[in-house]
C-alpha atoms as a PDB file:
ATOM      1  CA  MET A   1      30.784 122.354  73.208  1.00  0.00           C
ATOM      2  CA  GLU A   2      33.976 120.738  71.704  1.00  0.00           C
ATOM      3  CA  LEU A   3      35.312 117.853  73.479  1.00  0.00           C
ATOM      4  CA  GLN A   4      38.562 119.484  74.121  1.00  0.00           C
ATOM      5  CA  GLU A   5      36.729 122.420  75.938  1.00  0.00           C
ATOM      6  CA  CYS A   6      34.955 120.001  78.445  1.00  0.00           C
ATOM      7  CA  ILE A   7      36.599 120.242  81.827  1.00  0.00           C
ATOM      8  CA  ASN A   8      36.252 116.484  82.380  1.00  0.00           C
ATOM      9  CA  PHE A   9      38.146 115.688  79.135  1.00  0.00           C
ATOM     10  CA  GLU A  10      40.824 118.321  79.800  1.00  0.00           C
ATOM     11  CA  LEU A  11      41.514 117.196  83.551  1.00  0.00           C
ATOM     12  CA  THR A  12      41.502 113.372  82.428  1.00  0.00           C
ATOM     13  CA  SER A  13      43.853 114.236  79.541  1.00  0.00           C
ATOM     14  CA  VAL A  14      46.323 116.000  81.997  1.00  0.00           C
ATOM     15  CA  GLN A  15      45.855 113.606  84.789  1.00  0.00           C
ATOM     16  CA  ASN A  16      46.650 110.781  82.286  1.00  0.00           C
ATOM     17  CA  ALA A  17      49.861 112.431  81.155  1.00  0.00           C
ATOM     18  CA  VAL A  18      51.059 113.138  84.593  1.00  0.00           C
ATOM     19  CA  PHE A  19      50.269 109.754  86.002  1.00  0.00           C
ATOM     20  CA  ASN A  20      52.188 108.073  82.969  1.00  0.00           C
ATOM     21  CA  TYR A  21      55.062 110.430  83.628  1.00  0.00           C
ATOM     22  CA  PHE A  22      55.214 109.456  87.330  1.00  0.00           C
ATOM     23  CA  LYS A  23      54.716 105.955  86.409  1.00  0.00           C
ATOM     24  CA  GLY A  24      57.730 105.893  84.136  1.00  0.00           C
ATOM     25  CA  LYS A  25      60.002 107.572  86.923  1.00  0.00           C
ATOM     26  CA  LEU A  26      58.902 105.147  89.592  1.00  0.00           C
ATOM     27  CA  ALA A  27      59.152 102.023  87.423  1.00  0.00           C
ATOM     28  CA  PRO A  28      62.889 101.249  88.216  1.00  0.00           C
ATOM     29  CA  LEU A  29      61.670 100.839  91.861  1.00  0.00           C
ATOM     30  CA  ASP A  30      58.624  98.634  90.881  1.00  0.00           C
ATOM     31  CA  VAL A  31      56.205 101.144  92.572  1.00  0.00           C
ATOM     32  CA  THR A  32      53.185 102.550  90.869  1.00  0.00           C
ATOM     33  CA  PRO A  33      51.989 106.249  91.567  1.00  0.00           C
ATOM     34  CA  ILE A  34      49.140 105.023  93.796  1.00  0.00           C
ATOM     35  CA  GLN A  35      51.355 102.568  95.639  1.00  0.00           C
ATOM     36  CA  TYR A  36      53.719 105.491  96.404  1.00  0.00           C
ATOM     37  CA  ALA A  37      50.738 107.407  97.856  1.00  0.00           C
ATOM     38  CA  LEU A  38      49.766 104.551 100.053  1.00  0.00           C
ATOM     39  CA  LEU A  39      53.385 104.133 101.211  1.00  0.00           C
ATOM     40  CA  LYS A  40      53.593 107.971 101.830  1.00  0.00           C
ATOM     41  CA  CYS A  41      50.842 107.658 104.105  1.00  0.00           C
ATOM     42  CA  LEU A  42      52.543 104.855 105.955  1.00  0.00           C
ATOM     43  CA  TRP A  43      55.875 106.841 106.078  1.00  0.00           C
ATOM     44  CA  THR A  44      53.881 109.413 107.837  1.00  0.00           C
ATOM     45  CA  GLU A  45      52.106 107.286 110.259  1.00  0.00           C
ATOM     46  CA  ASP A  46      52.492 103.527 110.512  1.00  0.00           C
ATOM     47  CA  LEU A  47      49.735 101.131 111.454  1.00  0.00           C
ATOM     48  CA  GLN A  48      46.880 102.614 109.904  1.00  0.00           C
ATOM     49  CA  THR A  49      43.628 101.013 108.922  1.00  0.00           C
ATOM     50  CA  PRO A  50      42.418 100.449 105.296  1.00  0.00           C
ATOM     51  CA  THR A  51      39.419 102.753 106.046  1.00  0.00           C
ATOM     52  CA  GLN A  52      41.999 105.422 107.241  1.00  0.00           C
ATOM     53  CA  LEU A  53      44.121 104.991 104.090  1.00  0.00           C
ATOM     54  CA  ALA A  54      41.102 105.101 101.816  1.00  0.00           C
ATOM     55  CA  GLN A  55      39.874 108.452 103.297  1.00  0.00           C
ATOM     56  CA  THR A  56      43.361 110.176 103.100  1.00  0.00           C
ATOM     57  CA  LEU A  57      43.748 108.853  99.429  1.00  0.00           C
ATOM     58  CA  ARG A  58      40.105 109.693  98.468  1.00  0.00           C
ATOM     59  CA  LEU A  59      39.609 106.059  97.324  1.00  0.00           C
ATOM     60  CA  ASP A  60      37.059 103.403  98.194  1.00  0.00           C
ATOM     61  CA  THR A  61      38.016 100.624 100.391  1.00  0.00           C
ATOM     62  CA  SER A  62      37.800  97.970  97.759  1.00  0.00           C
ATOM     63  CA  SER A  63      40.567  99.864  95.749  1.00  0.00           C
ATOM     64  CA  ILE A  64      42.582 100.038  98.836  1.00  0.00           C
ATOM     65  CA  THR A  65      42.351  96.272  99.342  1.00  0.00           C
ATOM     66  CA  GLY A  66      43.813  95.610  95.862  1.00  0.00           C
ATOM     67  CA  ILE A  67      46.679  97.939  96.458  1.00  0.00           C
ATOM     68  CA  LEU A  68      47.438  96.511  99.810  1.00  0.00           C
ATOM     69  CA  ALA A  69      47.415  93.076  98.406  1.00  0.00           C
ATOM     70  CA  ARG A  70      50.012  94.108  95.664  1.00  0.00           C
ATOM     71  CA  LEU A  71      52.252  95.843  98.368  1.00  0.00           C
ATOM     72  CA  GLU A  72      51.978  92.816 100.523  1.00  0.00           C
ATOM     73  CA  LYS A  73      52.989  90.605  97.662  1.00  0.00           C
ATOM     74  CA  LYS A  74      56.010  92.705  97.129  1.00  0.00           C
ATOM     75  CA  GLU A  75      56.823  92.341 100.839  1.00  0.00           C
ATOM     76  CA  LEU A  76      56.631  96.171 101.508  1.00  0.00           C
ATOM     77  CA  ILE A  77      53.682  96.051 103.989  1.00  0.00           C
ATOM     78  CA  GLU A  78      52.219  93.516 105.971  1.00  0.00           C
ATOM     79  CA  ARG A  79      48.474  93.389 107.178  1.00  0.00           C
ATOM     80  CA  VAL A  80      48.201  92.933 111.026  1.00  0.00           C
ATOM     81  CA  TYR A  81      45.144  91.414 112.425  1.00  0.00           C
ATOM     82  CA  ASN A  82      43.668  92.073 115.914  1.00  0.00           C
ATOM     83  CA  ARG A  83      43.778  88.815 117.863  1.00  0.00           C
ATOM     84  CA  GLN A  84      40.325  89.737 119.524  1.00  0.00           C
ATOM     85  CA  ASP A  85      38.651  90.908 116.554  1.00  0.00           C
ATOM     86  CA  ARG A  86      39.805  89.418 113.129  1.00  0.00           C
ATOM     87  CA  ARG A  87      37.881  92.175 111.276  1.00  0.00           C
ATOM     88  CA  SER A  88      40.186  94.840 112.766  1.00  0.00           C
ATOM     89  CA  ILE A  89      43.102  95.234 110.323  1.00  0.00           C
ATOM     90  CA  HIS A  90      46.063  97.467 110.680  1.00  0.00           C
ATOM     91  CA  VAL A  91      48.630  97.995 107.839  1.00  0.00           C
ATOM     92  CA  HIS A  92      52.298  97.753 108.896  1.00  0.00           C
ATOM     93  CA  LEU A  93      55.139  99.258 106.911  1.00  0.00           C
ATOM     94  CA  LEU A  94      57.900  96.688 106.692  1.00  0.00           C
ATOM     95  CA  GLU A  95      61.520  97.417 106.550  1.00  0.00           C
ATOM     96  CA  SER A  96      61.858  97.042 102.963  1.00  0.00           C
ATOM     97  CA  GLY A  97      58.925  99.476 102.365  1.00  0.00           C
ATOM     98  CA  ALA A  98      60.553 101.945 104.732  1.00  0.00           C
ATOM     99  CA  ALA A  99      63.765 101.547 102.732  1.00  0.00           C
ATOM    100  CA  LEU A 100      62.102 102.954  99.630  1.00  0.00           C
ATOM    101  CA  GLN A 101      61.196 106.283 101.263  1.00  0.00           C
ATOM    102  CA  LYS A 102      64.280 108.340 100.363  1.00  0.00           C
ATOM    103  CA  PRO A 103      64.863 107.068  96.751  1.00  0.00           C
ATOM    104  CA  ILE A 104      61.054 107.452  95.895  1.00  0.00           C
ATOM    105  CA  GLU A 105      60.549 110.782  97.792  1.00  0.00           C
ATOM    106  CA  THR A 106      63.683 111.980  95.691  1.00  0.00           C
ATOM    107  CA  ILE A 107      62.053 110.770  92.345  1.00  0.00           C
ATOM    108  CA  ILE A 108      58.678 112.396  93.363  1.00  0.00           C
ATOM    109  CA  GLU A 109      60.412 115.763  94.305  1.00  0.00           C
ATOM    110  CA  GLU A 110      62.440 115.747  91.098  1.00  0.00           C
ATOM    111  CA  SER A 111      59.272 114.867  89.067  1.00  0.00           C
ATOM    112  CA  ASN A 112      57.111 117.542  90.536  1.00  0.00           C
ATOM    113  CA  ARG A 113      59.914 120.142  89.650  1.00  0.00           C
ATOM    114  CA  GLU A 114      59.910 118.811  86.100  1.00  0.00           C
ATOM    115  CA  ILE A 115      56.226 118.693  85.471  1.00  0.00           C
ATOM    116  CA  THR A 116      55.654 122.246  86.913  1.00  0.00           C
ATOM    117  CA  ALA A 117      58.842 123.802  85.226  1.00  0.00           C
ATOM    118  CA  GLY A 118      58.083 127.158  83.825  1.00  0.00           C
ATOM    119  CA  ILE A 119      55.223 127.773  86.155  1.00  0.00           C
ATOM    120  CA  ALA A 120      55.698 130.698  88.719  1.00  0.00           C
ATOM    121  CA  PRO A 121      55.340 129.686  92.156  1.00  0.00           C
ATOM    122  CA  GLU A 122      52.231 132.261  92.632  1.00  0.00           C
ATOM    123  CA  ASP A 123      50.690 130.794  89.559  1.00  0.00           C
ATOM    124  CA  TYR A 124      51.072 127.133  90.970  1.00  0.00           C
ATOM    125  CA  ARG A 125      49.473 128.357  94.147  1.00  0.00           C
ATOM    126  CA  LYS A 126      46.663 129.920  92.254  1.00  0.00           C
ATOM    127  CA  PHE A 127      46.276 126.587  90.035  1.00  0.00           C
ATOM    128  CA  ARG A 128      45.952 124.609  93.200  1.00  0.00           C
ATOM    129  CA  GLN A 129      43.286 127.074  94.460  1.00  0.00           C
ATOM    130  CA  LEU A 130      41.377 126.726  91.154  1.00  0.00           C
ATOM    131  CA  LEU A 131      41.665 122.863  91.431  1.00  0.00           C
ATOM    132  CA  ASP A 132      39.969 123.105  94.968  1.00  0.00           C
ATOM    133  CA  VAL A 133      37.156 125.127  93.538  1.00  0.00           C
ATOM    134  CA  ILE A 134      36.463 122.823  90.701  1.00  0.00           C
ATOM    135  CA  GLU A 135      36.553 119.898  93.278  1.00  0.00           C
ATOM    136  CA  SER A 136      34.163 121.662  95.619  1.00  0.00           C
ATOM    137  CA  ASN A 137      31.750 122.540  92.803  1.00  0.00           C
ATOM    138  CA  ALA A 138      31.752 118.925  91.383  1.00  0.00           C
ATOM    139  CA  LYS A 139      30.921 117.596  95.066  1.00  0.00           C
ATOM    140  CA  ASN A 140      27.711 120.002  95.262  1.00  0.00           C
END
């Protein structure tokens, strides 16, 4: 099998191209694609635990910890500790993080349209279904 025929190589190549595209689009707001994803979770529901965020984003908790640290340093979120149990942490979206929702979501929507230009809606739905099949097969 040629390298270019390996599904892992193909998906990685496409994922890298899409990631770099979104990274460039989000750069003016000083947010990375994964930071956007975490903020999106908090825009949907504030005060989630790192474990909840990790499950939603399909990441391990150690990766979430690093993302949270960077967002906290940018003063977009804060970690709120339970006074009775310091091990219990919730992530709170600060006003500065909430203020980024509209400009970031505008960029994301525009970028999605640009990336999928030329793909019929029915074909895109089928593509997403096929990705689900690939993911399911990889988990078995």
